[in-house]
Amino acid sequence: KKKKMAVKAANNLTSLTGDLVDIQSGLKEANSRDLVALQNKVLAEKKNLELSKTLLQNKAALEGLNKKEQAALDNIQGALNGTDGLYGQITKNLEDVVEEEIKVENKWVSLGLLLMV
């Protein structure tokens, strides 16, 4: 069960990465609200990965892990590895995209206000 939770969280994180790539490449439209929702989903998956990591580490300490469980733990640790892991890369990319989208939205608001004058 612990391994299944880890695999599901990793798959969800990979899917969210695909959504971000689609947004960055212009294949999918997103405003800042959509991007914040995506950030929240990524954060939820990070928490799932952290929980899976803790559960697997506890099992390892108590009774050991089989090869698949150890591989899952290794993958989780890699995904959560600071800014170099998958989570860190997604977070940085999302922050950059959100920042740019907010700038664009602010420009449109400013343009709209100028046109009203």
PDB file of N, CA and C in Angstrom:
ATOM      1  N   LYS A   1       0.832  -1.197   0.000  1.00  0.00           N
ATOM      2  CA  LYS A   1       0.000   0.000   0.000  1.00  0.00           C
ATOM      3  C   LYS A   1       0.873   1.256   0.000  1.00  0.00           C
ATOM      4  N   LYS A   2       1.946   1.243   0.775  1.00  0.00           N
ATOM      5  CA  LYS A   2       2.837   2.403   0.855  1.00  0.00           C
ATOM      6  C   LYS A   2       3.449   2.685  -0.511  1.00  0.00           C
ATOM      7  N   LYS A   3       3.848   1.586  -1.174  1.00  0.00           N
ATOM      8  CA  LYS A   3       4.468   1.730  -2.493  1.00  0.00           C
ATOM      9  C   LYS A   3       3.445   2.237  -3.510  1.00  0.00           C
ATOM     10  N   LYS A   4       2.210   1.739  -3.426  1.00  0.00           N
ATOM     11  CA  LYS A   4       1.162   2.175  -4.356  1.00  0.00           C
ATOM     12  C   LYS A   4       0.885   3.670  -4.195  1.00  0.00           C
ATOM     13  N   MET A   5       0.865   4.138  -2.943  1.00  0.00           N
ATOM     14  CA  MET A   5       0.644   5.565  -2.683  1.00  0.00           C
ATOM     15  C   MET A   5       1.773   6.383  -3.293  1.00  0.00           C
ATOM     16  N   ALA A   6       2.990   5.900  -3.146  1.00  0.00           N
ATOM     17  CA  ALA A   6       4.149   6.607  -3.699  1.00  0.00           C
ATOM     18  C   ALA A   6       4.086   6.642  -5.220  1.00  0.00           C
ATOM     19  N   VAL A   7       3.722   5.522  -5.820  1.00  0.00           N
ATOM     20  CA  VAL A   7       3.633   5.453  -7.282  1.00  0.00           C
ATOM     21  C   VAL A   7       2.536   6.382  -7.789  1.00  0.00           C
ATOM     22  N   LYS A   8       1.398   6.390  -7.107  1.00  0.00           N
ATOM     23  CA  LYS A   8       0.292   7.270  -7.511  1.00  0.00           C
ATOM     24  C   LYS A   8       0.704   8.740  -7.415  1.00  0.00           C
ATOM     25  N   ALA A   9       1.357   9.111  -6.317  1.00  0.00           N
ATOM     26  CA  ALA A   9       1.802  10.501  -6.139  1.00  0.00           C
ATOM     27  C   ALA A   9       2.807  10.880  -7.218  1.00  0.00           C
ATOM     28  N   ALA A  10       3.728   9.976  -7.518  1.00  0.00           N
ATOM     29  CA  ALA A  10       4.724  10.252  -8.564  1.00  0.00           C
ATOM     30  C   ALA A  10       4.060  10.387  -9.928  1.00  0.00           C
ATOM     31  N   ASN A  11       3.092   9.520 -10.212  1.00  0.00           N
ATOM     32  CA  ASN A  11       2.364   9.614 -11.484  1.00  0.00           C
ATOM     33  C   ASN A  11       1.588  10.924 -11.581  1.00  0.00           C
ATOM     34  N   ASN A  12       0.951  11.311 -10.485  1.00  0.00           N
ATOM     35  CA  ASN A  12       0.209  12.580 -10.474  1.00  0.00           C
ATOM     36  C   ASN A  12       1.147  13.760 -10.678  1.00  0.00           C
ATOM     37  N   LEU A  13       2.307  13.711 -10.048  1.00  0.00           N
ATOM     38  CA  LEU A  13       3.288  14.783 -10.197  1.00  0.00           C
ATOM     39  C   LEU A  13       3.782  14.855 -11.641  1.00  0.00           C
ATOM     40  N   THR A  14       3.974  13.703 -12.250  1.00  0.00           N
ATOM     41  CA  THR A  14       4.385  13.654 -13.655  1.00  0.00           C
ATOM     42  C   THR A  14       3.296  14.239 -14.549  1.00  0.00           C
ATOM     43  N   SER A  15       2.041  13.922 -14.247  1.00  0.00           N
ATOM     44  CA  SER A  15       0.916  14.466 -15.016  1.00  0.00           C
ATOM     45  C   SER A  15       0.851  15.991 -14.883  1.00  0.00           C
ATOM     46  N   LEU A  16       1.074  16.478 -13.672  1.00  0.00           N
ATOM     47  CA  LEU A  16       1.071  17.930 -13.445  1.00  0.00           C
ATOM     48  C   LEU A  16       2.222  18.591 -14.196  1.00  0.00           C
ATOM     49  N   THR A  17       3.349  17.897 -14.289  1.00  0.00           N
ATOM     50  CA  THR A  17       4.479  18.396 -15.067  1.00  0.00           C
ATOM     51  C   THR A  17       4.068  18.542 -16.526  1.00  0.00           C
ATOM     52  N   GLY A  18       3.339  17.554 -17.041  1.00  0.00           N
ATOM     53  CA  GLY A  18       2.839  17.622 -18.420  1.00  0.00           C
ATOM     54  C   GLY A  18       1.923  18.815 -18.624  1.00  0.00           C
ATOM     55  N   ASP A  19       1.055  19.081 -17.647  1.00  0.00           N
ATOM     56  CA  ASP A  19       0.176  20.255 -17.730  1.00  0.00           C
ATOM     57  C   ASP A  19       0.994  21.536 -17.803  1.00  0.00           C
ATOM     58  N   LEU A  20       2.039  21.624 -16.981  1.00  0.00           N
ATOM     59  CA  LEU A  20       2.889  22.810 -16.973  1.00  0.00           C
ATOM     60  C   LEU A  20       3.601  22.976 -18.316  1.00  0.00           C
ATOM     61  N   VAL A  21       4.106  21.889 -18.858  1.00  0.00           N
ATOM     62  CA  VAL A  21       4.784  21.943 -20.159  1.00  0.00           C
ATOM     63  C   VAL A  21       3.806  22.412 -21.238  1.00  0.00           C
ATOM     64  N   ASP A  22       2.572  21.904 -21.202  1.00  0.00           N
ATOM     65  CA  ASP A  22       1.553  22.329 -22.170  1.00  0.00           C
ATOM     66  C   ASP A  22       1.271  23.826 -22.054  1.00  0.00           C
ATOM     67  N   ILE A  23       1.218  24.321 -20.833  1.00  0.00           N
ATOM     68  CA  ILE A  23       0.983  25.758 -20.610  1.00  0.00           C
ATOM     69  C   ILE A  23       2.156  26.566 -21.135  1.00  0.00           C
ATOM     70  N   GLN A  24       3.374  26.125 -20.800  1.00  0.00           N
ATOM     71  CA  GLN A  24       4.564  26.857 -21.231  1.00  0.00           C
ATOM     72  C   GLN A  24       4.715  26.864 -22.751  1.00  0.00           C
ATOM     73  N   SER A  25       4.296  25.804 -23.405  1.00  0.00           N
ATOM     74  CA  SER A  25       4.454  25.726 -24.858  1.00  0.00           C
ATOM     75  C   SER A  25       3.260  26.311 -25.599  1.00  0.00           C
ATOM     76  N   GLY A  26       2.274  26.805 -24.853  1.00  0.00           N
ATOM     77  CA  GLY A  26       1.125  27.446 -25.484  1.00  0.00           C
ATOM     78  C   GLY A  26       0.057  26.481 -25.953  1.00  0.00           C
ATOM     79  N   LEU A  27       0.173  25.203 -25.631  1.00  0.00           N
ATOM     80  CA  LEU A  27      -0.829  24.226 -26.037  1.00  0.00           C
ATOM     81  C   LEU A  27      -2.072  24.286 -25.151  1.00  0.00           C
ATOM     82  N   LYS A  28      -1.921  24.900 -23.994  1.00  0.00           N
ATOM     83  CA  LYS A  28      -3.007  24.974 -23.037  1.00  0.00           C
ATOM     84  C   LYS A  28      -3.043  26.384 -22.458  1.00  0.00           C
ATOM     85  N   GLU A  29      -4.212  26.974 -22.427  1.00  0.00           N
ATOM     86  CA  GLU A  29      -4.369  28.319 -21.867  1.00  0.00           C
ATOM     87  C   GLU A  29      -4.480  28.238 -20.345  1.00  0.00           C
ATOM     88  N   ALA A  30      -3.909  29.219 -19.669  1.00  0.00           N
ATOM     89  CA  ALA A  30      -4.017  29.275 -18.216  1.00  0.00           C
ATOM     90  C   ALA A  30      -3.834  30.710 -17.751  1.00  0.00           C
ATOM     91  N   ASN A  31      -4.666  31.117 -16.794  1.00  0.00           N
ATOM     92  CA  ASN A  31      -4.472  32.426 -16.175  1.00  0.00           C
ATOM     93  C   ASN A  31      -3.821  32.208 -14.809  1.00  0.00           C
ATOM     94  N   SER A  32      -3.588  33.274 -14.083  1.00  0.00           N
ATOM     95  CA  SER A  32      -2.877  33.144 -12.814  1.00  0.00           C
ATOM     96  C   SER A  32      -3.658  32.280 -11.824  1.00  0.00           C
ATOM     97  N   ARG A  33      -4.976  32.340 -11.866  1.00  0.00           N
ATOM     98  CA  ARG A  33      -5.794  31.512 -10.965  1.00  0.00           C
ATOM     99  C   ARG A  33      -5.581  30.026 -11.280  1.00  0.00           C
ATOM    100  N   ASP A  34      -5.555  29.672 -12.571  1.00  0.00           N
ATOM    101  CA  ASP A  34      -5.300  28.287 -12.974  1.00  0.00           C
ATOM    102  C   ASP A  34      -3.922  27.831 -12.501  1.00  0.00           C
ATOM    103  N   LEU A  35      -2.953  28.718 -12.616  1.00  0.00           N
ATOM    104  CA  LEU A  35      -1.587  28.384 -12.234  1.00  0.00           C
ATOM    105  C   LEU A  35      -1.450  28.186 -10.730  1.00  0.00           C
ATOM    106  N   VAL A  36      -2.159  29.008  -9.963  1.00  0.00           N
ATOM    107  CA  VAL A  36      -2.137  28.846  -8.504  1.00  0.00           C
ATOM    108  C   VAL A  36      -2.791  27.511  -8.128  1.00  0.00           C
ATOM    109  N   ALA A  37      -3.874  27.150  -8.819  1.00  0.00           N
ATOM    110  CA  ALA A  37      -4.510  25.851  -8.571  1.00  0.00           C
ATOM    111  C   ALA A  37      -3.537  24.717  -8.890  1.00  0.00           C
ATOM    112  N   LEU A  38      -2.779  24.868  -9.965  1.00  0.00           N
ATOM    113  CA  LEU A  38      -1.780  23.871 -10.324  1.00  0.00           C
ATOM    114  C   LEU A  38      -0.694  23.789  -9.251  1.00  0.00           C
ATOM    115  N   GLN A  39      -0.275  24.941  -8.737  1.00  0.00           N
ATOM    116  CA  GLN A  39       0.712  24.960  -7.653  1.00  0.00           C
ATOM    117  C   GLN A  39       0.180  24.213  -6.431  1.00  0.00           C
ATOM    118  N   ASN A  40      -1.096  24.414  -6.106  1.00  0.00           N
ATOM    119  CA  ASN A  40      -1.685  23.740  -4.950  1.00  0.00           C
ATOM    120  C   ASN A  40      -1.725  22.224  -5.149  1.00  0.00           C
ATOM    121  N   LYS A  41      -2.009  21.789  -6.378  1.00  0.00           N
ATOM    122  CA  LYS A  41      -2.014  20.357  -6.666  1.00  0.00           C
ATOM    123  C   LYS A  41      -0.613  19.774  -6.528  1.00  0.00           C
ATOM    124  N   VAL A  42       0.379  20.518  -7.004  1.00  0.00           N
ATOM    125  CA  VAL A  42       1.767  20.061  -6.892  1.00  0.00           C
ATOM    126  C   VAL A  42       2.154  19.954  -5.414  1.00  0.00           C
ATOM    127  N   LEU A  43       1.753  20.927  -4.617  1.00  0.00           N
ATOM    128  CA  LEU A  43       2.051  20.890  -3.184  1.00  0.00           C
ATOM    129  C   LEU A  43       1.384  19.688  -2.518  1.00  0.00           C
ATOM    130  N   ALA A  44       0.150  19.381  -2.898  1.00  0.00           N
ATOM    131  CA  ALA A  44      -0.549  18.220  -2.338  1.00  0.00           C
ATOM    132  C   ALA A  44       0.194  16.930  -2.674  1.00  0.00           C
ATOM    133  N   GLU A  45       0.679  16.824  -3.902  1.00  0.00           N
ATOM    134  CA  GLU A  45       1.428  15.621  -4.289  1.00  0.00           C
ATOM    135  C   GLU A  45       2.757  15.539  -3.560  1.00  0.00           C
ATOM    136  N   LYS A  46       3.362  16.693  -3.286  1.00  0.00           N
ATOM    137  CA  LYS A  46       4.605  16.689  -2.501  1.00  0.00           C
ATOM    138  C   LYS A  46       4.331  16.116  -1.119  1.00  0.00           C
ATOM    139  N   LYS A  47       3.217  16.526  -0.510  1.00  0.00           N
ATOM    140  CA  LYS A  47       2.873  16.017   0.819  1.00  0.00           C
ATOM    141  C   LYS A  47       2.648  14.512   0.768  1.00  0.00           C
ATOM    142  N   ASN A  48       2.000  14.024  -0.307  1.00  0.00           N
ATOM    143  CA  ASN A  48       1.801  12.583  -0.461  1.00  0.00           C
ATOM    144  C   ASN A  48       3.128  11.851  -0.581  1.00  0.00           C
ATOM    145  N   LEU A  49       4.054  12.431  -1.346  1.00  0.00           N
ATOM    146  CA  LEU A  49       5.378  11.818  -1.487  1.00  0.00           C
ATOM    147  C   LEU A  49       6.123  11.807  -0.150  1.00  0.00           C
ATOM    148  N   GLU A  50       6.019  12.901   0.591  1.00  0.00           N
ATOM    149  CA  GLU A  50       6.690  12.972   1.889  1.00  0.00           C
ATOM    150  C   GLU A  50       6.121  11.932   2.859  1.00  0.00           C
ATOM    151  N   LEU A  51       4.796  11.762   2.833  1.00  0.00           N
ATOM    152  CA  LEU A  51       4.169  10.754   3.690  1.00  0.00           C
ATOM    153  C   LEU A  51       4.617   9.353   3.278  1.00  0.00           C
ATOM    154  N   SER A  52       4.631   9.098   1.983  1.00  0.00           N
ATOM    155  CA  SER A  52       5.085   7.799   1.493  1.00  0.00           C
ATOM    156  C   SER A  52       6.531   7.547   1.907  1.00  0.00           C
ATOM    157  N   LYS A  53       7.351   8.569   1.809  1.00  0.00           N
ATOM    158  CA  LYS A  53       8.760   8.452   2.196  1.00  0.00           C
ATOM    159  C   LYS A  53       8.878   8.076   3.670  1.00  0.00           C
ATOM    160  N   THR A  54       8.112   8.752   4.507  1.00  0.00           N
ATOM    161  CA  THR A  54       8.146   8.470   5.945  1.00  0.00           C
ATOM    162  C   THR A  54       7.683   7.046   6.233  1.00  0.00           C
ATOM    163  N   LEU A  55       6.591   6.639   5.602  1.00  0.00           N
ATOM    164  CA  LEU A  55       6.077   5.286   5.818  1.00  0.00           C
ATOM    165  C   LEU A  55       7.084   4.229   5.378  1.00  0.00           C
ATOM    166  N   LEU A  56       7.690   4.442   4.216  1.00  0.00           N
ATOM    167  CA  LEU A  56       8.677   3.480   3.724  1.00  0.00           C
ATOM    168  C   LEU A  56       9.925   3.462   4.603  1.00  0.00           C
ATOM    169  N   GLN A  57      10.347   4.627   5.078  1.00  0.00           N
ATOM    170  CA  GLN A  57      11.511   4.688   5.968  1.00  0.00           C
ATOM    171  C   GLN A  57      11.217   3.959   7.281  1.00  0.00           C
ATOM    172  N   ASN A  58      10.003   4.132   7.796  1.00  0.00           N
ATOM    173  CA  ASN A  58       9.620   3.443   9.028  1.00  0.00           C
ATOM    174  C   ASN A  58       9.606   1.931   8.818  1.00  0.00           C
ATOM    175  N   LYS A  59       9.053   1.502   7.692  1.00  0.00           N
ATOM    176  CA  LYS A  59       9.023   0.069   7.387  1.00  0.00           C
ATOM    177  C   LYS A  59      10.449  -0.468   7.241  1.00  0.00           C
ATOM    178  N   ALA A  60      11.299   0.312   6.596  1.00  0.00           N
ATOM    179  CA  ALA A  60      12.693  -0.108   6.421  1.00  0.00           C
ATOM    180  C   ALA A  60      13.368  -0.315   7.775  1.00  0.00           C
ATOM    181  N   ALA A  61      13.094   0.587   8.714  1.00  0.00           N
ATOM    182  CA  ALA A  61      13.712   0.489  10.039  1.00  0.00           C
ATOM    183  C   ALA A  61      13.164  -0.698  10.828  1.00  0.00           C
ATOM    184  N   LEU A  62      11.883  -1.019  10.636  1.00  0.00           N
ATOM    185  CA  LEU A  62      11.255  -2.088  11.410  1.00  0.00           C
ATOM    186  C   LEU A  62      11.494  -3.480  10.842  1.00  0.00           C
ATOM    187  N   GLU A  63      11.314  -3.621   9.540  1.00  0.00           N
ATOM    188  CA  GLU A  63      11.362  -4.970   8.959  1.00  0.00           C
ATOM    189  C   GLU A  63      12.115  -5.060   7.641  1.00  0.00           C
ATOM    190  N   GLY A  64      12.588  -3.934   7.144  1.00  0.00           N
ATOM    191  CA  GLY A  64      13.300  -3.941   5.866  1.00  0.00           C
ATOM    192  C   GLY A  64      12.342  -3.760   4.690  1.00  0.00           C
ATOM    193  N   LEU A  65      12.912  -3.483   3.548  1.00  0.00           N
ATOM    194  CA  LEU A  65      12.126  -3.252   2.331  1.00  0.00           C
ATOM    195  C   LEU A  65      12.503  -4.291   1.285  1.00  0.00           C
ATOM    196  N   ASN A  66      11.511  -4.651   0.456  1.00  0.00           N
ATOM    197  CA  ASN A  66      11.853  -5.499  -0.684  1.00  0.00           C
ATOM    198  C   ASN A  66      12.433  -4.596  -1.778  1.00  0.00           C
ATOM    199  N   LYS A  67      12.860  -5.174  -2.868  1.00  0.00           N
ATOM    200  CA  LYS A  67      13.525  -4.399  -3.930  1.00  0.00           C
ATOM    201  C   LYS A  67      12.621  -3.319  -4.503  1.00  0.00           C
ATOM    202  N   LYS A  68      11.346  -3.641  -4.715  1.00  0.00           N
ATOM    203  CA  LYS A  68      10.423  -2.656  -5.290  1.00  0.00           C
ATOM    204  C   LYS A  68      10.192  -1.496  -4.324  1.00  0.00           C
ATOM    205  N   GLU A  69      10.045  -1.811  -3.053  1.00  0.00           N
ATOM    206  CA  GLU A  69       9.844  -0.762  -2.053  1.00  0.00           C
ATOM    207  C   GLU A  69      11.087   0.122  -1.945  1.00  0.00           C
ATOM    208  N   GLN A  70      12.255  -0.486  -1.981  1.00  0.00           N
ATOM    209  CA  GLN A  70      13.496   0.289  -1.918  1.00  0.00           C
ATOM    210  C   GLN A  70      13.624   1.185  -3.140  1.00  0.00           C
ATOM    211  N   ALA A  71      13.262   0.669  -4.308  1.00  0.00           N
ATOM    212  CA  ALA A  71      13.306   1.481  -5.531  1.00  0.00           C
ATOM    213  C   ALA A  71      12.335   2.645  -5.425  1.00  0.00           C
ATOM    214  N   ALA A  72      11.140   2.380  -4.868  1.00  0.00           N
ATOM    215  CA  ALA A  72      10.152   3.453  -4.692  1.00  0.00           C
ATOM    216  C   ALA A  72      10.703   4.518  -3.753  1.00  0.00           C
ATOM    217  N   LEU A  73      11.319   4.098  -2.658  1.00  0.00           N
ATOM    218  CA  LEU A  73      11.900   5.054  -1.705  1.00  0.00           C
ATOM    219  C   LEU A  73      13.007   5.870  -2.363  1.00  0.00           C
ATOM    220  N   ASP A  74      13.856   5.216  -3.119  1.00  0.00           N
ATOM    221  CA  ASP A  74      14.934   5.922  -3.823  1.00  0.00           C
ATOM    222  C   ASP A  74      14.365   6.953  -4.800  1.00  0.00           C
ATOM    223  N   ASN A  75      13.313   6.568  -5.528  1.00  0.00           N
ATOM    224  CA  ASN A  75      12.680   7.492  -6.486  1.00  0.00           C
ATOM    225  C   ASN A  75      12.045   8.680  -5.781  1.00  0.00           C
ATOM    226  N   ILE A  76      11.404   8.418  -4.650  1.00  0.00           N
ATOM    227  CA  ILE A  76      10.782   9.506  -3.881  1.00  0.00           C
ATOM    228  C   ILE A  76      11.851  10.479  -3.410  1.00  0.00           C
ATOM    229  N   GLN A  77      12.930   9.936  -2.859  1.00  0.00           N
ATOM    230  CA  GLN A  77      14.003  10.802  -2.366  1.00  0.00           C
ATOM    231  C   GLN A  77      14.589  11.633  -3.503  1.00  0.00           C
ATOM    232  N   GLY A  78      14.702  11.032  -4.684  1.00  0.00           N
ATOM    233  CA  GLY A  78      15.185  11.784  -5.840  1.00  0.00           C
ATOM    234  C   GLY A  78      14.226  12.883  -6.245  1.00  0.00           C
ATOM    235  N   ALA A  79      12.934  12.583  -6.223  1.00  0.00           N
ATOM    236  CA  ALA A  79      11.922  13.577  -6.610  1.00  0.00           C
ATOM    237  C   ALA A  79      11.882  14.745  -5.637  1.00  0.00           C
ATOM    238  N   LEU A  80      12.131  14.461  -4.370  1.00  0.00           N
ATOM    239  CA  LEU A  80      12.052  15.506  -3.337  1.00  0.00           C
ATOM    240  C   LEU A  80      13.393  16.175  -3.066  1.00  0.00           C
ATOM    241  N   ASN A  81      14.410  15.843  -3.819  1.00  0.00           N
ATOM    242  CA  ASN A  81      15.769  16.303  -3.571  1.00  0.00           C
ATOM    243  C   ASN A  81      15.943  17.794  -3.868  1.00  0.00           C
ATOM    244  N   GLY A  82      15.578  18.639  -2.919  1.00  0.00           N
ATOM    245  CA  GLY A  82      15.781  20.086  -3.035  1.00  0.00           C
ATOM    246  C   GLY A  82      15.346  20.650  -4.367  1.00  0.00           C
ATOM    247  N   THR A  83      16.148  21.522  -4.934  1.00  0.00           N
ATOM    248  CA  THR A  83      15.806  22.154  -6.206  1.00  0.00           C
ATOM    249  C   THR A  83      16.162  21.271  -7.394  1.00  0.00           C
ATOM    250  N   ASP A  84      16.943  20.218  -7.155  1.00  0.00           N
ATOM    251  CA  ASP A  84      17.350  19.339  -8.241  1.00  0.00           C
ATOM    252  C   ASP A  84      16.316  18.272  -8.556  1.00  0.00           C
ATOM    253  N   GLY A  85      15.467  17.937  -7.595  1.00  0.00           N
ATOM    254  CA  GLY A  85      14.464  16.901  -7.799  1.00  0.00           C
ATOM    255  C   GLY A  85      13.315  17.396  -8.662  1.00  0.00           C
ATOM    256  N   LEU A  86      12.473  16.461  -9.071  1.00  0.00           N
ATOM    257  CA  LEU A  86      11.323  16.782  -9.914  1.00  0.00           C
ATOM    258  C   LEU A  86      10.442  17.841  -9.269  1.00  0.00           C
ATOM    259  N   TYR A  87      10.171  17.688  -7.967  1.00  0.00           N
ATOM    260  CA  TYR A  87       9.328  18.662  -7.275  1.00  0.00           C
ATOM    261  C   TYR A  87       9.949  20.057  -7.316  1.00  0.00           C
ATOM    262  N   GLY A  88      11.237  20.157  -7.038  1.00  0.00           N
ATOM    263  CA  GLY A  88      11.909  21.457  -7.050  1.00  0.00           C
ATOM    264  C   GLY A  88      11.882  22.105  -8.421  1.00  0.00           C
ATOM    265  N   GLN A  89      12.064  21.304  -9.467  1.00  0.00           N
ATOM    266  CA  GLN A  89      12.037  21.836 -10.829  1.00  0.00           C
ATOM    267  C   GLN A  89      10.643  22.332 -11.198  1.00  0.00           C
ATOM    268  N   ILE A  90       9.625  21.549 -10.842  1.00  0.00           N
ATOM    269  CA  ILE A  90       8.249  21.962 -11.144  1.00  0.00           C
ATOM    270  C   ILE A  90       7.922  23.255 -10.407  1.00  0.00           C
ATOM    271  N   THR A  91       8.294  23.299  -9.133  1.00  0.00           N
ATOM    272  CA  THR A  91       8.000  24.483  -8.320  1.00  0.00           C
ATOM    273  C   THR A  91       8.645  25.730  -8.911  1.00  0.00           C
ATOM    274  N   LYS A  92       9.900  25.621  -9.294  1.00  0.00           N
ATOM    275  CA  LYS A  92      10.603  26.774  -9.880  1.00  0.00           C
ATOM    276  C   LYS A  92       9.955  27.193 -11.191  1.00  0.00           C
ATOM    277  N   ASN A  93       9.661  26.221 -12.051  1.00  0.00           N
ATOM    278  CA  ASN A  93       9.017  26.542 -13.328  1.00  0.00           C
ATOM    279  C   ASN A  93       7.658  27.186 -13.117  1.00  0.00           C
ATOM    280  N   LEU A  94       6.886  26.657 -12.182  1.00  0.00           N
ATOM    281  CA  LEU A  94       5.565  27.236 -11.910  1.00  0.00           C
ATOM    282  C   LEU A  94       5.685  28.651 -11.381  1.00  0.00           C
ATOM    283  N   GLU A  95       6.630  28.890 -10.499  1.00  0.00           N
ATOM    284  CA  GLU A  95       6.829  30.245  -9.969  1.00  0.00           C
ATOM    285  C   GLU A  95       7.146  31.214 -11.103  1.00  0.00           C
ATOM    286  N   ASP A  96       8.003  30.793 -12.018  1.00  0.00           N
ATOM    287  CA  ASP A  96       8.359  31.651 -13.150  1.00  0.00           C
ATOM    288  C   ASP A  96       7.152  31.922 -14.043  1.00  0.00           C
ATOM    289  N   VAL A  97       6.366  30.880 -14.323  1.00  0.00           N
ATOM    290  CA  VAL A  97       5.199  31.030 -15.196  1.00  0.00           C
ATOM    291  C   VAL A  97       4.150  31.916 -14.538  1.00  0.00           C
ATOM    292  N   VAL A  98       3.916  31.711 -13.243  1.00  0.00           N
ATOM    293  CA  VAL A  98       2.935  32.543 -12.523  1.00  0.00           C
ATOM    294  C   VAL A  98       3.378  34.005 -12.547  1.00  0.00           C
ATOM    295  N   GLU A  99       4.648  34.245 -12.296  1.00  0.00           N
ATOM    296  CA  GLU A  99       5.174  35.615 -12.304  1.00  0.00           C
ATOM    297  C   GLU A  99       4.951  36.276 -13.661  1.00  0.00           C
ATOM    298  N   GLU A 100       5.242  35.569 -14.730  1.00  0.00           N
ATOM    299  CA  GLU A 100       5.048  36.117 -16.078  1.00  0.00           C
ATOM    300  C   GLU A 100       3.573  36.352 -16.379  1.00  0.00           C
ATOM    301  N   GLU A 101       2.708  35.415 -15.981  1.00  0.00           N
ATOM    302  CA  GLU A 101       1.272  35.554 -16.234  1.00  0.00           C
ATOM    303  C   GLU A 101       0.705  36.758 -15.494  1.00  0.00           C
ATOM    304  N   ILE A 102       1.155  36.970 -14.275  1.00  0.00           N
ATOM    305  CA  ILE A 102       0.687  38.131 -13.501  1.00  0.00           C
ATOM    306  C   ILE A 102       1.131  39.421 -14.181  1.00  0.00           C
ATOM    307  N   LYS A 103       2.356  39.447 -14.695  1.00  0.00           N
ATOM    308  CA  LYS A 103       2.828  40.630 -15.420  1.00  0.00           C
ATOM    309  C   LYS A 103       1.956  40.902 -16.639  1.00  0.00           C
ATOM    310  N   VAL A 104       1.642  39.846 -17.385  1.00  0.00           N
ATOM    311  CA  VAL A 104       0.799  39.998 -18.576  1.00  0.00           C
ATOM    312  C   VAL A 104      -0.586  40.484 -18.184  1.00  0.00           C
ATOM    313  N   GLU A 105      -1.176  39.883 -17.156  1.00  0.00           N
ATOM    314  CA  GLU A 105      -2.508  40.294 -16.716  1.00  0.00           C
ATOM    315  C   GLU A 105      -2.505  41.746 -16.249  1.00  0.00           C
ATOM    316  N   ASN A 106      -1.456  42.158 -15.548  1.00  0.00           N
ATOM    317  CA  ASN A 106      -1.364  43.547 -15.098  1.00  0.00           C
ATOM    318  C   ASN A 106      -1.246  44.508 -16.276  1.00  0.00           C
ATOM    319  N   LYS A 107      -0.525  44.096 -17.313  1.00  0.00           N
ATOM    320  CA  LYS A 107      -0.417  44.934 -18.506  1.00  0.00           C
ATOM    321  C   LYS A 107      -1.772  45.090 -19.182  1.00  0.00           C
ATOM    322  N   TRP A 108      -2.539  43.996 -19.243  1.00  0.00           N
ATOM    323  CA  TRP A 108      -3.872  44.082 -19.851  1.00  0.00           C
ATOM    324  C   TRP A 108      -4.786  44.991 -19.036  1.00  0.00           C
ATOM    325  N   VAL A 109      -4.694  44.911 -17.721  1.00  0.00           N
ATOM    326  CA  VAL A 109      -5.506  45.781 -16.866  1.00  0.00           C
ATOM    327  C   VAL A 109      -5.108  47.237 -17.093  1.00  0.00           C
ATOM    328  N   SER A 110      -3.800  47.500 -17.139  1.00  0.00           N
ATOM    329  CA  SER A 110      -3.327  48.863 -17.370  1.00  0.00           C
ATOM    330  C   SER A 110      -3.783  49.379 -18.728  1.00  0.00           C
ATOM    331  N   LEU A 111      -3.697  48.532 -19.741  1.00  0.00           N
ATOM    332  CA  LEU A 111      -4.133  48.916 -21.077  1.00  0.00           C
ATOM    333  C   LEU A 111      -5.629  49.223 -21.075  1.00  0.00           C
ATOM    334  N   GLY A 112      -6.396  48.384 -20.387  1.00  0.00           N
ATOM    335  CA  GLY A 112      -7.848  48.611 -20.290  1.00  0.00           C
ATOM    336  C   GLY A 112      -8.162  49.934 -19.618  1.00  0.00           C
ATOM    337  N   LEU A 113      -7.414  50.268 -18.563  1.00  0.00           N
ATOM    338  CA  LEU A 113      -7.629  51.537 -17.881  1.00  0.00           C
ATOM    339  C   LEU A 113      -7.264  52.716 -18.769  1.00  0.00           C
ATOM    340  N   LEU A 114      -6.208  52.581 -19.571  1.00  0.00           N
ATOM    341  CA  LEU A 114      -5.812  53.650 -20.489  1.00  0.00           C
ATOM    342  C   LEU A 114      -6.877  53.862 -21.557  1.00  0.00           C
ATOM    343  N   LEU A 115      -7.445  52.775 -22.036  1.00  0.00           N
ATOM    344  CA  LEU A 115      -8.464  52.878 -23.066  1.00  0.00           C
ATOM    345  C   LEU A 115      -9.737  53.503 -22.546  1.00  0.00           C
ATOM    346  N   MET A 116      -9.981  53.390 -21.245  1.00  0.00           N
ATOM    347  CA  MET A 116     -11.186  53.962 -20.651  1.00  0.00           C
ATOM    348  C   MET A 116     -11.067  55.459 -20.472  1.00  0.00           C
ATOM    349  N   VAL A 117      -9.830  55.971 -20.465  1.00  0.00           N
ATOM    350  CA  VAL A 117      -9.599  57.394 -20.220  1.00  0.00           C
ATOM    351  C   VAL A 117      -9.916  58.215 -21.433  1.00  0.00           C
TER     352      VAL A 117
END
